[in-house]
């Protein structure tokens, strides 16, 4: 099994720009699960997309217009949502903020393959 380091520190974890006004920070992961922080500037978009992974997300800060399978809702700090596999989803950031995403299984395409990983 491949996994991340046991501890991840905010100041030591790189942010990767993944869109206009959107950055991603990958935290813990293994074959079954992954935790990711996504920081949005006002107006930043998570473009509509889908994937085979289940996703649950928590709004750490900010306000977002979230679309899941054609349903739009305004979500803010303290709210959360669940995205079933293959559901089309995306968001527009209305007030700068951060989402905390958990995926199952791991989104390997998010992992920097040059980054140190443990192999068990």
PDB file of N, CA and C in Angstrom:
ATOM      1  N   UNK A   1       0.848  -1.180   0.000  1.00  0.00           N
ATOM      2  CA  UNK A   1       0.000   0.000   0.000  1.00  0.00           C
ATOM      3  C   UNK A   1       0.891   1.240   0.000  1.00  0.00           C
ATOM      4  N   UNK A   2       0.497   2.243  -0.747  1.00  0.00           N
ATOM      5  CA  UNK A   2       1.182   3.532  -0.766  1.00  0.00           C
ATOM      6  C   UNK A   2       0.373   4.492   0.097  1.00  0.00           C
ATOM      7  N   UNK A   3       1.075   5.275   0.904  1.00  0.00           N
ATOM      8  CA  UNK A   3       0.387   6.247   1.751  1.00  0.00           C
ATOM      9  C   UNK A   3       1.227   7.504   1.892  1.00  0.00           C
ATOM     10  N   UNK A   4       0.580   8.555   2.379  1.00  0.00           N
ATOM     11  CA  UNK A   4       1.288   9.799   2.678  1.00  0.00           C
ATOM     12  C   UNK A   4       2.077   9.634   3.971  1.00  0.00           C
ATOM     13  N   UNK A   5       2.857  10.645   4.296  1.00  0.00           N
ATOM     14  CA  UNK A   5       3.486  10.678   5.608  1.00  0.00           C
ATOM     15  C   UNK A   5       2.401  10.675   6.674  1.00  0.00           C
ATOM     16  N   UNK A   6       2.727  10.238   7.866  1.00  0.00           N
ATOM     17  CA  UNK A   6       1.734  10.160   8.935  1.00  0.00           C
ATOM     18  C   UNK A   6       1.237  11.534   9.375  1.00  0.00           C
ATOM     19  N   UNK A   7       2.092  12.549   9.317  1.00  0.00           N
ATOM     20  CA  UNK A   7       1.706  13.903   9.698  1.00  0.00           C
ATOM     21  C   UNK A   7       1.927  14.834   8.513  1.00  0.00           C
ATOM     22  N   UNK A   8       1.014  15.803   8.357  1.00  0.00           N
ATOM     23  CA  UNK A   8       1.150  16.823   7.333  1.00  0.00           C
ATOM     24  C   UNK A   8       1.053  18.175   8.027  1.00  0.00           C
ATOM     25  N   UNK A   9       1.944  19.085   7.677  1.00  0.00           N
ATOM     26  CA  UNK A   9       1.976  20.410   8.286  1.00  0.00           C
ATOM     27  C   UNK A   9       1.663  21.459   7.242  1.00  0.00           C
ATOM     28  N   UNK A  10       0.729  22.347   7.582  1.00  0.00           N
ATOM     29  CA  UNK A  10       0.277  23.365   6.647  1.00  0.00           C
ATOM     30  C   UNK A  10       1.443  24.134   6.027  1.00  0.00           C
ATOM     31  N   UNK A  11       2.366  24.606   6.869  1.00  0.00           N
ATOM     32  CA  UNK A  11       3.460  25.441   6.365  1.00  0.00           C
ATOM     33  C   UNK A  11       4.452  24.659   5.508  1.00  0.00           C
ATOM     34  N   UNK A  12       4.451  23.337   5.611  1.00  0.00           N
ATOM     35  CA  UNK A  12       5.386  22.513   4.833  1.00  0.00           C
ATOM     36  C   UNK A  12       4.724  21.843   3.632  1.00  0.00           C
ATOM     37  N   UNK A  13       3.427  22.090   3.427  1.00  0.00           N
ATOM     38  CA  UNK A  13       2.687  21.450   2.344  1.00  0.00           C
ATOM     39  C   UNK A  13       2.437  22.469   1.239  1.00  0.00           C
ATOM     40  N   UNK A  14       2.936  22.180   0.043  1.00  0.00           N
ATOM     41  CA  UNK A  14       2.833  23.108  -1.081  1.00  0.00           C
ATOM     42  C   UNK A  14       1.398  23.268  -1.568  1.00  0.00           C
ATOM     43  N   UNK A  15       1.089  24.478  -2.012  1.00  0.00           N
ATOM     44  CA  UNK A  15      -0.165  24.769  -2.699  1.00  0.00           C
ATOM     45  C   UNK A  15       0.101  24.669  -4.201  1.00  0.00           C
ATOM     46  N   UNK A  16      -0.818  24.068  -4.921  1.00  0.00           N
ATOM     47  CA  UNK A  16      -0.706  23.959  -6.378  1.00  0.00           C
ATOM     48  C   UNK A  16      -1.865  24.727  -6.998  1.00  0.00           C
ATOM     49  N   UNK A  17      -1.559  25.617  -7.945  1.00  0.00           N
ATOM     50  CA  UNK A  17      -2.612  26.339  -8.654  1.00  0.00           C
ATOM     51  C   UNK A  17      -3.284  25.369  -9.623  1.00  0.00           C
ATOM     52  N   UNK A  18      -4.615  25.256  -9.510  1.00  0.00           N
ATOM     53  CA  UNK A  18      -5.360  24.292 -10.332  1.00  0.00           C
ATOM     54  C   UNK A  18      -6.437  24.963 -11.169  1.00  0.00           C
ATOM     55  N   UNK A  19      -6.493  26.275 -11.121  1.00  0.00           N
ATOM     56  CA  UNK A  19      -7.457  27.036 -11.904  1.00  0.00           C
ATOM     57  C   UNK A  19      -7.284  28.505 -11.574  1.00  0.00           C
ATOM     58  N   UNK A  20      -8.005  29.350 -12.285  1.00  0.00           N
ATOM     59  CA  UNK A  20      -7.944  30.783 -12.050  1.00  0.00           C
ATOM     60  C   UNK A  20      -8.565  31.078 -10.682  1.00  0.00           C
ATOM     61  N   UNK A  21      -7.751  31.511  -9.718  1.00  0.00           N
ATOM     62  CA  UNK A  21      -8.251  31.806  -8.383  1.00  0.00           C
ATOM     63  C   UNK A  21      -8.508  30.582  -7.534  1.00  0.00           C
ATOM     64  N   UNK A  22      -7.915  29.428  -7.906  1.00  0.00           N
ATOM     65  CA  UNK A  22      -8.136  28.180  -7.164  1.00  0.00           C
ATOM     66  C   UNK A  22      -6.798  27.486  -6.932  1.00  0.00           C
ATOM     67  N   UNK A  23      -6.546  27.126  -5.656  1.00  0.00           N
ATOM     68  CA  UNK A  23      -5.337  26.392  -5.301  1.00  0.00           C
ATOM     69  C   UNK A  23      -5.699  25.171  -4.458  1.00  0.00           C
ATOM     70  N   UNK A  24      -4.877  24.132  -4.586  1.00  0.00           N
ATOM     71  CA  UNK A  24      -5.136  22.858  -3.888  1.00  0.00           C
ATOM     72  C   UNK A  24      -3.912  22.476  -3.052  1.00  0.00           C
ATOM     73  N   UNK A  25      -4.183  21.928  -1.859  1.00  0.00           N
ATOM     74  CA  UNK A  25      -3.155  21.435  -0.962  1.00  0.00           C
ATOM     75  C   UNK A  25      -3.538  20.005  -0.569  1.00  0.00           C
ATOM     76  N   UNK A  26      -2.712  19.024  -0.948  1.00  0.00           N
ATOM     77  CA  UNK A  26      -3.004  17.616  -0.681  1.00  0.00           C
ATOM     78  C   UNK A  26      -2.454  17.242   0.684  1.00  0.00           C
ATOM     79  N   UNK A  27      -3.295  16.657   1.516  1.00  0.00           N
ATOM     80  CA  UNK A  27      -2.896  16.212   2.838  1.00  0.00           C
ATOM     81  C   UNK A  27      -2.821  14.686   2.862  1.00  0.00           C
ATOM     82  N   UNK A  28      -3.339  14.024   3.878  1.00  0.00           N
ATOM     83  CA  UNK A  28      -3.169  12.582   4.031  1.00  0.00           C
ATOM     84  C   UNK A  28      -3.917  11.765   3.001  1.00  0.00           C
ATOM     85  N   UNK A  29      -3.313  10.613   2.643  1.00  0.00           N
ATOM     86  CA  UNK A  29      -3.956   9.706   1.690  1.00  0.00           C
ATOM     87  C   UNK A  29      -3.362   8.310   1.787  1.00  0.00           C
ATOM     88  N   UNK A  30      -4.155   7.363   1.340  1.00  0.00           N
ATOM     89  CA  UNK A  30      -3.708   6.002   1.054  1.00  0.00           C
ATOM     90  C   UNK A  30      -4.597   5.495  -0.072  1.00  0.00           C
ATOM     91  N   UNK A  31      -4.612   4.211  -0.320  1.00  0.00           N
ATOM     92  CA  UNK A  31      -5.399   3.665  -1.429  1.00  0.00           C
ATOM     93  C   UNK A  31      -6.897   3.947  -1.307  1.00  0.00           C
ATOM     94  N   UNK A  32      -7.391   4.102  -0.070  1.00  0.00           N
ATOM     95  CA  UNK A  32      -8.832   4.176   0.152  1.00  0.00           C
ATOM     96  C   UNK A  32      -9.390   5.577   0.366  1.00  0.00           C
ATOM     97  N   UNK A  33      -8.544   6.526   0.786  1.00  0.00           N
ATOM     98  CA  UNK A  33      -9.063   7.835   1.203  1.00  0.00           C
ATOM     99  C   UNK A  33      -8.019   8.924   0.952  1.00  0.00           C
ATOM    100  N   UNK A  34      -8.507  10.161   0.789  1.00  0.00           N
ATOM    101  CA  UNK A  34      -7.613  11.310   0.587  1.00  0.00           C
ATOM    102  C   UNK A  34      -8.281  12.564   1.145  1.00  0.00           C
ATOM    103  N   UNK A  35      -7.475  13.437   1.793  1.00  0.00           N
ATOM    104  CA  UNK A  35      -7.956  14.713   2.293  1.00  0.00           C
ATOM    105  C   UNK A  35      -7.252  15.836   1.539  1.00  0.00           C
ATOM    106  N   UNK A  36      -8.037  16.822   1.079  1.00  0.00           N
ATOM    107  CA  UNK A  36      -7.511  17.909   0.252  1.00  0.00           C
ATOM    108  C   UNK A  36      -8.141  19.229   0.712  1.00  0.00           C
ATOM    109  N   UNK A  37      -7.315  20.281   0.811  1.00  0.00           N
ATOM    110  CA  UNK A  37      -7.817  21.635   1.057  1.00  0.00           C
ATOM    111  C   UNK A  37      -7.827  22.367  -0.284  1.00  0.00           C
ATOM    112  N   UNK A  38      -8.915  23.096  -0.562  1.00  0.00           N
ATOM    113  CA  UNK A  38      -9.010  23.855  -1.804  1.00  0.00           C
ATOM    114  C   UNK A  38      -9.350  25.303  -1.440  1.00  0.00           C
ATOM    115  N   UNK A  39      -8.450  26.216  -1.813  1.00  0.00           N
ATOM    116  CA  UNK A  39      -8.588  27.640  -1.488  1.00  0.00           C
ATOM    117  C   UNK A  39      -9.072  28.378  -2.729  1.00  0.00           C
ATOM    118  N   UNK A  40     -10.112  29.208  -2.553  1.00  0.00           N
ATOM    119  CA  UNK A  40     -10.723  29.956  -3.647  1.00  0.00           C
ATOM    120  C   UNK A  40     -10.658  31.452  -3.388  1.00  0.00           C
ATOM    121  N   UNK A  41     -10.287  32.197  -4.408  1.00  0.00           N
ATOM    122  CA  UNK A  41     -10.475  33.645  -4.395  1.00  0.00           C
ATOM    123  C   UNK A  41     -11.915  33.913  -4.852  1.00  0.00           C
ATOM    124  N   UNK A  42     -12.448  35.080  -4.505  1.00  0.00           N
ATOM    125  CA  UNK A  42     -13.787  35.443  -4.981  1.00  0.00           C
ATOM    126  C   UNK A  42     -13.816  35.342  -6.499  1.00  0.00           C
ATOM    127  N   UNK A  43     -14.824  34.672  -7.041  1.00  0.00           N
ATOM    128  CA  UNK A  43     -14.958  34.483  -8.483  1.00  0.00           C
ATOM    129  C   UNK A  43     -14.283  33.228  -9.003  1.00  0.00           C
ATOM    130  N   UNK A  44     -13.459  32.584  -8.177  1.00  0.00           N
ATOM    131  CA  UNK A  44     -12.811  31.335  -8.591  1.00  0.00           C
ATOM    132  C   UNK A  44     -13.852  30.250  -8.828  1.00  0.00           C
ATOM    133  N   UNK A  45     -13.597  29.393  -9.825  1.00  0.00           N
ATOM    134  CA  UNK A  45     -14.560  28.356 -10.187  1.00  0.00           C
ATOM    135  C   UNK A  45     -13.950  26.966 -10.098  1.00  0.00           C
ATOM    136  N   UNK A  46     -14.713  26.071  -9.549  1.00  0.00           N
ATOM    137  CA  UNK A  46     -14.458  24.653  -9.702  1.00  0.00           C
ATOM    138  C   UNK A  46     -15.337  24.235 -10.872  1.00  0.00           C
ATOM    139  N   UNK A  47     -14.763  24.121 -12.065  1.00  0.00           N
ATOM    140  CA  UNK A  47     -15.561  23.874 -13.279  1.00  0.00           C
ATOM    141  C   UNK A  47     -16.344  22.572 -13.156  1.00  0.00           C
ATOM    142  N   UNK A  48     -17.487  22.519 -13.820  1.00  0.00           N
ATOM    143  CA  UNK A  48     -18.312  21.311 -13.791  1.00  0.00           C
ATOM    144  C   UNK A  48     -17.500  20.119 -14.281  1.00  0.00           C
ATOM    145  N   UNK A  49     -17.555  19.032 -13.524  1.00  0.00           N
ATOM    146  CA  UNK A  49     -16.808  17.813 -13.849  1.00  0.00           C
ATOM    147  C   UNK A  49     -17.433  16.644 -13.102  1.00  0.00           C
ATOM    148  N   UNK A  50     -16.942  15.452 -13.363  1.00  0.00           N
ATOM    149  CA  UNK A  50     -17.355  14.283 -12.585  1.00  0.00           C
ATOM    150  C   UNK A  50     -16.172  13.327 -12.487  1.00  0.00           C
ATOM    151  N   UNK A  51     -16.255  12.418 -11.548  1.00  0.00           N
ATOM    152  CA  UNK A  51     -15.197  11.424 -11.344  1.00  0.00           C
ATOM    153  C   UNK A  51     -15.787  10.198 -10.658  1.00  0.00           C
ATOM    154  N   UNK A  52     -15.044   9.133 -10.665  1.00  0.00           N
ATOM    155  CA  UNK A  52     -15.503   7.853 -10.122  1.00  0.00           C
ATOM    156  C   UNK A  52     -15.469   7.811  -8.596  1.00  0.00           C
ATOM    157  N   UNK A  53     -14.914   8.831  -7.977  1.00  0.00           N
ATOM    158  CA  UNK A  53     -14.718   8.841  -6.531  1.00  0.00           C
ATOM    159  C   UNK A  53     -15.934   9.380  -5.796  1.00  0.00           C
ATOM    160  N   UNK A  54     -16.212   8.840  -4.607  1.00  0.00           N
ATOM    161  CA  UNK A  54     -17.148   9.480  -3.690  1.00  0.00           C
ATOM    162  C   UNK A  54     -16.431  10.676  -3.091  1.00  0.00           C
ATOM    163  N   UNK A  55     -17.185  11.737  -2.795  1.00  0.00           N
ATOM    164  CA  UNK A  55     -16.587  12.945  -2.222  1.00  0.00           C
ATOM    165  C   UNK A  55     -17.505  13.506  -1.156  1.00  0.00           C
ATOM    166  N   UNK A  56     -16.936  13.873  -0.027  1.00  0.00           N
ATOM    167  CA  UNK A  56     -17.643  14.653   0.985  1.00  0.00           C
ATOM    168  C   UNK A  56     -16.797  15.891   1.242  1.00  0.00           C
ATOM    169  N   UNK A  57     -17.461  17.025   1.424  1.00  0.00           N
ATOM    170  CA  UNK A  57     -16.736  18.277   1.572  1.00  0.00           C
ATOM    171  C   UNK A  57     -17.351  19.111   2.684  1.00  0.00           C
ATOM    172  N   UNK A  58     -16.485  19.913   3.310  1.00  0.00           N
ATOM    173  CA  UNK A  58     -16.857  20.808   4.391  1.00  0.00           C
ATOM    174  C   UNK A  58     -16.425  22.216   4.003  1.00  0.00           C
ATOM    175  N   UNK A  59     -17.303  23.198   4.227  1.00  0.00           N
ATOM    176  CA  UNK A  59     -16.971  24.588   3.936  1.00  0.00           C
ATOM    177  C   UNK A  59     -16.265  25.169   5.166  1.00  0.00           C
ATOM    178  N   UNK A  60     -14.961  25.304   5.064  1.00  0.00           N
ATOM    179  CA  UNK A  60     -14.140  25.868   6.146  1.00  0.00           C
ATOM    180  C   UNK A  60     -14.370  27.370   6.285  1.00  0.00           C
ATOM    181  N   UNK A  61     -14.531  28.047   5.128  1.00  0.00           N
ATOM    182  CA  UNK A  61     -14.772  29.492   5.132  1.00  0.00           C
ATOM    183  C   UNK A  61     -15.314  29.894   3.769  1.00  0.00           C
ATOM    184  N   UNK A  62     -15.886  31.096   3.701  1.00  0.00           N
ATOM    185  CA  UNK A  62     -16.375  31.621   2.435  1.00  0.00           C
ATOM    186  C   UNK A  62     -17.817  31.264   2.143  1.00  0.00           C
ATOM    187  N   UNK A  63     -18.244  31.668   0.930  1.00  0.00           N
ATOM    188  CA  UNK A  63     -19.593  31.382   0.432  1.00  0.00           C
ATOM    189  C   UNK A  63     -19.450  30.901  -1.001  1.00  0.00           C
ATOM    190  N   UNK A  64     -20.183  29.834  -1.347  1.00  0.00           N
ATOM    191  CA  UNK A  64     -20.080  29.205  -2.655  1.00  0.00           C
ATOM    192  C   UNK A  64     -21.461  28.931  -3.220  1.00  0.00           C
ATOM    193  N   UNK A  65     -21.575  29.027  -4.557  1.00  0.00           N
ATOM    194  CA  UNK A  65     -22.748  28.503  -5.253  1.00  0.00           C
ATOM    195  C   UNK A  65     -22.322  27.132  -5.756  1.00  0.00           C
ATOM    196  N   UNK A  66     -22.885  26.089  -5.161  1.00  0.00           N
ATOM    197  CA  UNK A  66     -22.511  24.710  -5.474  1.00  0.00           C
ATOM    198  C   UNK A  66     -23.580  24.067  -6.338  1.00  0.00           C
ATOM    199  N   UNK A  67     -23.154  23.405  -7.404  1.00  0.00           N
ATOM    200  CA  UNK A  67     -24.069  22.674  -8.295  1.00  0.00           C
ATOM    201  C   UNK A  67     -23.725  21.198  -8.234  1.00  0.00           C
ATOM    202  N   UNK A  68     -24.737  20.372  -7.953  1.00  0.00           N
ATOM    203  CA  UNK A  68     -24.571  18.918  -7.973  1.00  0.00           C
ATOM    204  C   UNK A  68     -25.725  18.357  -8.792  1.00  0.00           C
ATOM    205  N   UNK A  69     -25.398  17.708  -9.896  1.00  0.00           N
ATOM    206  CA  UNK A  69     -26.399  17.119 -10.801  1.00  0.00           C
ATOM    207  C   UNK A  69     -27.527  18.094 -11.126  1.00  0.00           C
ATOM    208  N   UNK A  70     -27.171  19.343 -11.452  1.00  0.00           N
ATOM    209  CA  UNK A  70     -28.143  20.339 -11.890  1.00  0.00           C
ATOM    210  C   UNK A  70     -28.826  21.112 -10.775  1.00  0.00           C
ATOM    211  N   UNK A  71     -28.637  20.711  -9.525  1.00  0.00           N
ATOM    212  CA  UNK A  71     -29.227  21.426  -8.394  1.00  0.00           C
ATOM    213  C   UNK A  71     -28.215  22.410  -7.834  1.00  0.00           C
ATOM    214  N   UNK A  72     -28.610  23.707  -7.756  1.00  0.00           N
ATOM    215  CA  UNK A  72     -27.723  24.742  -7.227  1.00  0.00           C
ATOM    216  C   UNK A  72     -28.171  25.142  -5.835  1.00  0.00           C
ATOM    217  N   UNK A  73     -27.203  25.285  -4.942  1.00  0.00           N
ATOM    218  CA  UNK A  73     -27.461  25.744  -3.573  1.00  0.00           C
ATOM    219  C   UNK A  73     -26.342  26.691  -3.158  1.00  0.00           C
ATOM    220  N   UNK A  74     -26.662  27.639  -2.301  1.00  0.00           N
ATOM    221  CA  UNK A  74     -25.657  28.503  -1.697  1.00  0.00           C
ATOM    222  C   UNK A  74     -25.229  27.832  -0.396  1.00  0.00           C
ATOM    223  N   UNK A  75     -23.912  27.655  -0.246  1.00  0.00           N
ATOM    224  CA  UNK A  75     -23.363  27.042   0.957  1.00  0.00           C
ATOM    225  C   UNK A  75     -22.318  27.969   1.556  1.00  0.00           C
ATOM    226  N   UNK A  76     -22.208  27.920   2.881  1.00  0.00           N
ATOM    227  CA  UNK A  76     -21.272  28.813   3.581  1.00  0.00           C
ATOM    228  C   UNK A  76     -20.590  28.084   4.724  1.00  0.00           C
ATOM    229  N   UNK A  77     -19.706  28.808   5.403  1.00  0.00           N
ATOM    230  CA  UNK A  77     -18.929  28.247   6.502  1.00  0.00           C
ATOM    231  C   UNK A  77     -19.801  27.373   7.403  1.00  0.00           C
ATOM    232  N   UNK A  78     -19.302  26.163   7.666  1.00  0.00           N
ATOM    233  CA  UNK A  78     -20.012  25.223   8.528  1.00  0.00           C
ATOM    234  C   UNK A  78     -20.895  24.247   7.782  1.00  0.00           C
ATOM    235  N   UNK A  79     -21.182  24.500   6.489  1.00  0.00           N
ATOM    236  CA  UNK A  79     -22.009  23.601   5.688  1.00  0.00           C
ATOM    237  C   UNK A  79     -21.143  22.510   5.065  1.00  0.00           C
ATOM    238  N   UNK A  80     -21.794  21.509   4.521  1.00  0.00           N
ATOM    239  CA  UNK A  80     -21.089  20.442   3.835  1.00  0.00           C
ATOM    240  C   UNK A  80     -21.954  19.854   2.743  1.00  0.00           C
ATOM    241  N   UNK A  81     -21.386  18.921   1.982  1.00  0.00           N
ATOM    242  CA  UNK A  81     -22.135  18.248   0.925  1.00  0.00           C
ATOM    243  C   UNK A  81     -21.484  16.920   0.594  1.00  0.00           C
ATOM    244  N   UNK A  82     -22.281  16.046  -0.042  1.00  0.00           N
ATOM    245  CA  UNK A  82     -21.835  14.733  -0.495  1.00  0.00           C
ATOM    246  C   UNK A  82     -22.038  14.652  -1.997  1.00  0.00           C
ATOM    247  N   UNK A  83     -21.042  14.119  -2.707  1.00  0.00           N
ATOM    248  CA  UNK A  83     -21.136  13.938  -4.151  1.00  0.00           C
ATOM    249  C   UNK A  83     -20.956  12.457  -4.464  1.00  0.00           C
ATOM    250  N   UNK A  84     -22.013  11.808  -4.957  1.00  0.00           N
ATOM    251  CA  UNK A  84     -21.880  10.401  -5.346  1.00  0.00           C
ATOM    252  C   UNK A  84     -20.956  10.258  -6.559  1.00  0.00           C
ATOM    253  N   UNK A  85     -20.378   9.072  -6.750  1.00  0.00           N
ATOM    254  CA  UNK A  85     -19.539   8.839  -7.934  1.00  0.00           C
ATOM    255  C   UNK A  85     -20.271   9.214  -9.224  1.00  0.00           C
ATOM    256  N   UNK A  86     -19.543   9.805 -10.151  1.00  0.00           N
ATOM    257  CA  UNK A  86     -19.985  10.186 -11.493  1.00  0.00           C
ATOM    258  C   UNK A  86     -21.028  11.303 -11.532  1.00  0.00           C
ATOM    259  N   UNK A  87     -21.337  11.937 -10.399  1.00  0.00           N
ATOM    260  CA  UNK A  87     -22.271  13.067 -10.404  1.00  0.00           C
ATOM    261  C   UNK A  87     -21.551  14.310 -10.927  1.00  0.00           C
ATOM    262  N   UNK A  88     -22.193  15.035 -11.826  1.00  0.00           N
ATOM    263  CA  UNK A  88     -21.610  16.263 -12.371  1.00  0.00           C
ATOM    264  C   UNK A  88     -21.748  17.361 -11.314  1.00  0.00           C
ATOM    265  N   UNK A  89     -20.619  18.014 -10.992  1.00  0.00           N
ATOM    266  CA  UNK A  89     -20.629  19.019  -9.938  1.00  0.00           C
ATOM    267  C   UNK A  89     -19.571  20.091 -10.191  1.00  0.00           C
ATOM    268  N   UNK A  90     -19.752  21.223  -9.550  1.00  0.00           N
ATOM    269  CA  UNK A  90     -18.812  22.325  -9.635  1.00  0.00           C
ATOM    270  C   UNK A  90     -19.301  23.462  -8.762  1.00  0.00           C
ATOM    271  N   UNK A  91     -18.483  24.519  -8.638  1.00  0.00           N
ATOM    272  CA  UNK A  91     -18.889  25.629  -7.785  1.00  0.00           C
ATOM    273  C   UNK A  91     -18.323  26.940  -8.305  1.00  0.00           C
ATOM    274  N   UNK A  92     -18.927  28.031  -7.817  1.00  0.00           N
ATOM    275  CA  UNK A  92     -18.423  29.376  -8.028  1.00  0.00           C
ATOM    276  C   UNK A  92     -18.277  29.980  -6.639  1.00  0.00           C
ATOM    277  N   UNK A  93     -17.118  30.571  -6.380  1.00  0.00           N
ATOM    278  CA  UNK A  93     -16.853  31.176  -5.082  1.00  0.00           C
ATOM    279  C   UNK A  93     -17.428  32.592  -5.060  1.00  0.00           C
ATOM    280  N   UNK A  94     -18.380  32.844  -4.158  1.00  0.00           N
ATOM    281  CA  UNK A  94     -19.025  34.154  -4.037  1.00  0.00           C
ATOM    282  C   UNK A  94     -18.306  35.055  -3.038  1.00  0.00           C
ATOM    283  N   UNK A  95     -17.701  34.456  -2.010  1.00  0.00           N
ATOM    284  CA  UNK A  95     -16.852  35.152  -1.041  1.00  0.00           C
ATOM    285  C   UNK A  95     -15.649  34.251  -0.802  1.00  0.00           C
ATOM    286  N   UNK A  96     -14.433  34.802  -0.888  1.00  0.00           N
ATOM    287  CA  UNK A  96     -13.212  34.007  -0.765  1.00  0.00           C
ATOM    288  C   UNK A  96     -13.323  33.015   0.387  1.00  0.00           C
ATOM    289  N   UNK A  97     -12.831  31.805   0.147  1.00  0.00           N
ATOM    290  CA  UNK A  97     -12.948  30.791   1.177  1.00  0.00           C
ATOM    291  C   UNK A  97     -12.195  29.521   0.861  1.00  0.00           C
ATOM    292  N   UNK A  98     -12.473  28.496   1.679  1.00  0.00           N
ATOM    293  CA  UNK A  98     -11.773  27.230   1.552  1.00  0.00           C
ATOM    294  C   UNK A  98     -12.735  26.065   1.758  1.00  0.00           C
ATOM    295  N   UNK A  99     -12.562  25.043   0.906  1.00  0.00           N
ATOM    296  CA  UNK A  99     -13.287  23.782   1.043  1.00  0.00           C
ATOM    297  C   UNK A  99     -12.309  22.709   1.496  1.00  0.00           C
ATOM    298  N   UNK A 100     -12.787  21.814   2.348  1.00  0.00           N
ATOM    299  CA  UNK A 100     -12.012  20.656   2.778  1.00  0.00           C
ATOM    300  C   UNK A 100     -12.697  19.445   2.150  1.00  0.00           C
ATOM    301  N   UNK A 101     -12.000  18.778   1.229  1.00  0.00           N
ATOM    302  CA  UNK A 101     -12.564  17.654   0.477  1.00  0.00           C
ATOM    303  C   UNK A 101     -11.962  16.337   0.954  1.00  0.00           C
ATOM    304  N   UNK A 102     -12.808  15.329   1.060  1.00  0.00           N
ATOM    305  CA  UNK A 102     -12.346  13.965   1.320  1.00  0.00           C
ATOM    306  C   UNK A 102     -12.852  13.092   0.177  1.00  0.00           C
ATOM    307  N   UNK A 103     -11.959  12.277  -0.369  1.00  0.00           N
ATOM    308  CA  UNK A 103     -12.279  11.418  -1.503  1.00  0.00           C
ATOM    309  C   UNK A 103     -12.045   9.956  -1.133  1.00  0.00           C
ATOM    310  N   UNK A 104     -12.851   9.094  -1.689  1.00  0.00           N
ATOM    311  CA  UNK A 104     -12.633   7.659  -1.571  1.00  0.00           C
ATOM    312  C   UNK A 104     -12.970   7.020  -2.901  1.00  0.00           C
ATOM    313  N   UNK A 105     -12.067   6.265  -3.500  1.00  0.00           N
ATOM    314  CA  UNK A 105     -10.687   6.083  -3.072  1.00  0.00           C
ATOM    315  C   UNK A 105      -9.848   7.319  -3.404  1.00  0.00           C
ATOM    316  N   UNK A 106      -8.557   7.213  -3.193  1.00  0.00           N
ATOM    317  CA  UNK A 106      -7.619   8.305  -3.415  1.00  0.00           C
ATOM    318  C   UNK A 106      -7.685   8.827  -4.849  1.00  0.00           C
ATOM    319  N   UNK A 107      -7.532  10.138  -5.018  1.00  0.00           N
ATOM    320  CA  UNK A 107      -7.404  10.760  -6.341  1.00  0.00           C
ATOM    321  C   UNK A 107      -5.919  10.800  -6.687  1.00  0.00           C
ATOM    322  N   UNK A 108      -5.380   9.715  -7.224  1.00  0.00           N
ATOM    323  CA  UNK A 108      -3.944   9.608  -7.477  1.00  0.00           C
ATOM    324  C   UNK A 108      -3.433  10.693  -8.405  1.00  0.00           C
ATOM    325  N   UNK A 109      -4.297  11.234  -9.283  1.00  0.00           N
ATOM    326  CA  UNK A 109      -3.850  12.286 -10.185  1.00  0.00           C
ATOM    327  C   UNK A 109      -3.503  13.578  -9.429  1.00  0.00           C
ATOM    328  N   UNK A 110      -3.917  13.703  -8.158  1.00  0.00           N
ATOM    329  CA  UNK A 110      -3.579  14.864  -7.339  1.00  0.00           C
ATOM    330  C   UNK A 110      -2.211  14.737  -6.686  1.00  0.00           C
ATOM    331  N   UNK A 111      -1.661  13.529  -6.631  1.00  0.00           N
ATOM    332  CA  UNK A 111      -0.422  13.281  -5.891  1.00  0.00           C
ATOM    333  C   UNK A 111       0.777  13.672  -6.738  1.00  0.00           C
ATOM    334  N   UNK A 112       1.653  14.470  -6.149  1.00  0.00           N
ATOM    335  CA  UNK A 112       2.919  14.833  -6.782  1.00  0.00           C
ATOM    336  C   UNK A 112       3.825  13.616  -6.683  1.00  0.00           C
ATOM    337  N   UNK A 113       4.063  12.961  -7.789  1.00  0.00           N
ATOM    338  CA  UNK A 113       4.800  11.700  -7.769  1.00  0.00           C
ATOM    339  C   UNK A 113       6.271  11.873  -7.412  1.00  0.00           C
ATOM    340  N   UNK A 114       6.762  13.125  -7.365  1.00  0.00           N
ATOM    341  CA  UNK A 114       8.122  13.368  -6.900  1.00  0.00           C
ATOM    342  C   UNK A 114       8.165  13.502  -5.386  1.00  0.00           C
ATOM    343  N   UNK A 115       6.976  13.658  -4.766  1.00  0.00           N
ATOM    344  CA  UNK A 115       6.892  13.831  -3.322  1.00  0.00           C
ATOM    345  C   UNK A 115       7.167  12.500  -2.627  1.00  0.00           C
ATOM    346  N   UNK A 116       7.825  12.561  -1.474  1.00  0.00           N
ATOM    347  CA  UNK A 116       8.119  11.348  -0.701  1.00  0.00           C
ATOM    348  C   UNK A 116       6.824  10.643  -0.305  1.00  0.00           C
ATOM    349  N   UNK A 117       6.738   9.360  -0.556  1.00  0.00           N
ATOM    350  CA  UNK A 117       5.598   8.553  -0.131  1.00  0.00           C
ATOM    351  C   UNK A 117       6.124   7.305   0.548  1.00  0.00           C
ATOM    352  N   UNK A 118       5.390   6.807   1.501  1.00  0.00           N
ATOM    353  CA  UNK A 118       5.768   5.569   2.173  1.00  0.00           C
ATOM    354  C   UNK A 118       5.187   4.398   1.398  1.00  0.00           C
ATOM    355  N   UNK A 119       5.912   3.340   1.273  1.00  0.00           N
ATOM    356  CA  UNK A 119       5.394   2.108   0.678  1.00  0.00           C
ATOM    357  C   UNK A 119       5.486   1.020   1.740  1.00  0.00           C
ATOM    358  N   UNK A 120       4.364   0.395   2.020  1.00  0.00           N
ATOM    359  CA  UNK A 120       4.323  -0.668   3.039  1.00  0.00           C
ATOM    360  C   UNK A 120       4.208  -2.018   2.377  1.00  0.00           C
TER     361      UNK A 120
END
